[in-house]
Amino acid sequence: MISIEAEHFTRKKDVDGFSWRVINGFGKTGDSVSVFPNAAKTFTELTAASPYLEYQINVARAGDFNLGVYLIPTHPLIAGTGLRLAYSVDDRSPQIVTVDENVQVSSAKWSTNVLSETTVGTSKIRLEKGSHTLRVFAVDTGVILDKIVLNDGPVQPSYFGPPETLAK
């Protein structure tokens, strides 16, 4: 398992005045990151035309992994679309992760997420043994990334999620 606090990125790219910034003290287990300025924008080109963060990861063995993105619950930019961001590994095509699509603000699910201070989106990814670059792209502004977890088995239930295994 690899667990990374979102603020421990190794590189970031700003685009047209939009950039990922660390929000000190706003995270379940540390800080978090979000795109600023806080102006409504959807990035449709998930390439160098979208702000991104990079994380260096090292995988001990090849296999299929679950990628979990832990987000702070916020209002979606566009109602019904959920909280969206994207990722790619080693310059592969970006894959969009949608969290809480069609979850209505003030619903029981929304309330549970707010009380637990997190909501999690997942995706499947195949990785070879060795070093990789994980890139996280902004899709919608207003999404707040708190933690990233790669695992090839079940994650033990925990209020804080798995402790960080990869530090800055």
Protein backbone atom coordinates (compact mmCIF):
# COMPACT_ATOMS: atom_id res chain seq x y z
CA MET A 1 0.00 0.00 0.00
CA ILE A 2 1.12 3.53 -0.75
CA SER A 3 -0.56 6.37 1.13
CA ILE A 4 0.33 9.99 0.31
CA GLU A 5 -0.85 13.17 2.00
CA ALA A 6 -1.95 15.45 -0.86
CA GLU A 7 0.32 18.32 0.18
CA HIS A 8 3.41 16.16 -0.36
CA PHE A 9 3.51 16.53 -4.14
CA THR A 10 6.92 16.68 -5.84
CA ARG A 11 6.00 19.12 -8.62
CA LYS A 12 3.08 21.25 -9.76
CA LYS A 13 2.09 23.09 -12.92
CA ASP A 14 0.11 26.34 -12.95
CA VAL A 15 -2.00 27.28 -15.99
CA ASP A 16 -3.49 30.68 -16.89
CA GLY A 17 -3.46 31.91 -13.30
CA PHE A 18 -4.96 28.69 -11.89
CA SER A 19 -2.77 26.66 -9.56
CA TRP A 20 -2.95 24.00 -6.90
CA ARG A 21 -2.17 25.45 -3.47
CA VAL A 22 -1.74 23.92 -0.05
CA ILE A 23 -4.48 24.82 2.43
CA ASN A 24 -2.64 24.71 5.75
CA GLY A 25 -4.52 23.05 8.61
CA PHE A 26 -7.49 22.06 6.44
CA GLY A 27 -7.35 18.31 6.11
CA LYS A 28 -8.32 15.29 8.08
CA THR A 29 -4.72 14.34 8.89
CA GLY A 30 -2.74 17.39 7.86
CA ASP A 31 -3.13 19.88 5.08
CA SER A 32 -4.98 19.62 1.78
CA VAL A 33 -4.70 21.08 -1.73
CA SER A 34 -7.12 22.80 -4.08
CA VAL A 35 -7.06 24.91 -7.22
CA PHE A 36 -7.07 28.69 -6.82
CA PRO A 37 -8.36 31.25 -7.52
CA ASN A 38 -11.73 30.08 -6.33
CA ALA A 39 -13.43 30.95 -9.62
CA ALA A 40 -15.81 28.52 -11.32
CA LYS A 41 -13.96 26.70 -14.10
CA THR A 42 -13.99 23.26 -15.68
CA PHE A 43 -10.81 22.15 -17.41
CA THR A 44 -11.75 20.12 -20.48
CA GLU A 45 -8.26 19.53 -21.88
CA LEU A 46 -6.51 17.29 -19.40
CA THR A 47 -3.03 17.89 -20.69
CA ALA A 48 -0.55 20.68 -20.09
CA ALA A 49 -3.61 22.98 -20.41
CA SER A 50 -4.84 21.92 -16.96
CA PRO A 51 -3.20 22.56 -13.58
CA TYR A 52 -1.67 19.40 -12.17
CA LEU A 53 0.28 17.95 -9.28
CA GLU A 54 2.89 15.22 -9.57
CA TYR A 55 3.80 12.51 -7.08
CA GLN A 56 6.73 10.11 -7.38
CA ILE A 57 5.76 6.60 -6.35
CA ASN A 58 7.67 3.33 -6.20
CA VAL A 59 5.75 0.09 -6.60
CA ALA A 60 7.34 -3.04 -5.09
CA ARG A 61 5.58 -5.46 -7.46
CA ALA A 62 3.54 -5.34 -10.64
CA GLY A 63 -0.20 -5.71 -10.41
CA ASP A 64 -3.67 -4.24 -10.46
CA PHE A 65 -4.20 -1.50 -7.90
CA ASN A 66 -7.09 0.52 -6.53
CA LEU A 67 -6.44 4.24 -6.59
CA GLY A 68 -8.36 6.05 -3.86
CA VAL A 69 -8.65 9.83 -3.82
CA TYR A 70 -9.77 11.18 -0.45
CA LEU A 71 -11.53 14.52 -0.82
CA ILE A 72 -12.93 17.05 1.62
CA PRO A 73 -16.70 17.17 0.91
CA THR A 74 -17.60 20.35 -0.99
CA HIS A 75 -20.40 21.45 -3.28
CA PRO A 76 -19.90 20.24 -6.86
CA LEU A 77 -19.23 22.96 -9.39
CA ILE A 78 -22.06 21.67 -11.59
CA ALA A 79 -25.06 20.06 -9.86
CA GLY A 80 -25.27 16.32 -10.48
CA THR A 81 -21.69 15.92 -11.76
CA GLY A 82 -20.08 15.20 -8.41
CA LEU A 83 -16.56 16.19 -7.47
CA ARG A 84 -14.24 15.55 -10.42
CA LEU A 85 -10.50 15.32 -10.88
CA ALA A 86 -8.32 13.18 -13.14
CA TYR A 87 -5.08 11.23 -12.91
CA SER A 88 -2.52 9.67 -15.20
CA VAL A 89 0.55 7.56 -14.63
CA ASP A 90 3.73 7.99 -16.67
CA ASP A 91 2.03 10.21 -19.27
CA ARG A 92 -0.77 7.75 -20.04
CA SER A 93 -4.13 9.24 -20.99
CA PRO A 94 -5.81 10.95 -18.03
CA GLN A 95 -8.71 9.12 -16.38
CA ILE A 96 -11.46 11.11 -14.70
CA VAL A 97 -12.50 10.12 -11.18
CA THR A 98 -15.99 11.27 -10.20
CA VAL A 99 -16.87 11.27 -6.51
CA ASP A 100 -20.47 11.43 -5.26
CA GLU A 101 -22.12 11.90 -8.63
CA ASN A 102 -25.81 12.73 -8.12
CA VAL A 103 -25.41 13.04 -4.34
CA GLN A 104 -27.63 15.93 -3.34
CA VAL A 105 -26.32 18.51 -0.90
CA SER A 106 -28.27 18.07 2.38
CA SER A 107 -28.94 14.37 1.67
CA ALA A 108 -28.09 11.66 4.22
CA LYS A 109 -25.01 10.66 2.19
CA TRP A 110 -23.85 14.29 2.04
CA SER A 111 -24.34 14.67 5.80
CA THR A 112 -22.37 11.49 6.53
CA ASN A 113 -19.50 12.71 4.32
CA VAL A 114 -19.42 16.09 6.05
CA LEU A 115 -19.47 14.52 9.52
CA SER A 116 -16.64 12.13 8.61
CA GLU A 117 -14.75 14.97 6.87
CA THR A 118 -14.10 12.89 3.76
CA THR A 119 -15.48 11.30 0.67
CA VAL A 120 -13.54 8.78 -1.42
CA GLY A 121 -13.44 8.11 -5.14
CA THR A 122 -11.77 5.05 -6.64
CA SER A 123 -10.36 3.85 -9.91
CA LYS A 124 -8.50 0.74 -11.10
CA ILE A 125 -4.96 1.01 -12.43
CA ARG A 126 -2.32 -1.47 -13.62
CA LEU A 127 1.26 -0.73 -12.61
CA GLU A 128 4.56 -2.40 -13.30
CA LYS A 129 7.20 -2.80 -10.62
CA GLY A 130 9.40 0.28 -10.21
CA SER A 131 9.24 4.05 -10.15
CA HIS A 132 6.29 5.97 -11.60
CA THR A 133 5.01 9.51 -11.87
CA LEU A 134 1.40 9.95 -10.76
CA ARG A 135 -0.13 13.17 -12.09
CA VAL A 136 -3.36 14.57 -10.63
CA PHE A 137 -5.23 17.04 -12.87
CA ALA A 138 -7.82 19.62 -11.95
CA VAL A 139 -11.13 19.01 -13.72
CA ASP A 140 -13.44 21.26 -11.68
CA THR A 141 -12.38 24.01 -9.32
CA GLY A 142 -13.60 23.68 -5.74
CA VAL A 143 -12.37 20.09 -5.35
CA ILE A 144 -10.15 19.69 -2.27
CA LEU A 145 -7.73 16.75 -2.32
CA ASP A 146 -6.66 15.41 1.09
CA LYS A 147 -5.00 12.03 0.48
CA ILE A 148 -4.13 9.50 -2.24
CA VAL A 149 -4.02 5.76 -1.54
CA LEU A 150 -2.81 3.00 -3.89
CA ASN A 151 -3.48 -0.53 -2.70
CA ASP A 152 -3.78 -4.03 -4.11
CA GLY A 153 -6.02 -5.41 -1.39
CA PRO A 154 -8.61 -4.31 1.12
CA VAL A 155 -8.00 -1.14 3.13
CA GLN A 156 -8.61 -1.57 6.84
CA PRO A 157 -11.50 0.65 7.96
CA SER A 158 -10.17 3.71 9.74
CA TYR A 159 -11.46 7.19 10.51
CA PHE A 160 -8.21 8.75 9.24
CA GLY A 161 -7.47 6.32 6.41
CA PRO A 162 -4.12 4.58 6.05
CA PRO A 163 -1.17 6.48 7.56
CA GLU A 164 1.23 8.08 5.10
CA THR A 165 3.87 5.76 3.69
CA LEU A 166 5.46 8.25 1.33
CA ALA A 167 6.71 11.53 2.81
CA LYS A 168 7.88 14.69 1.14
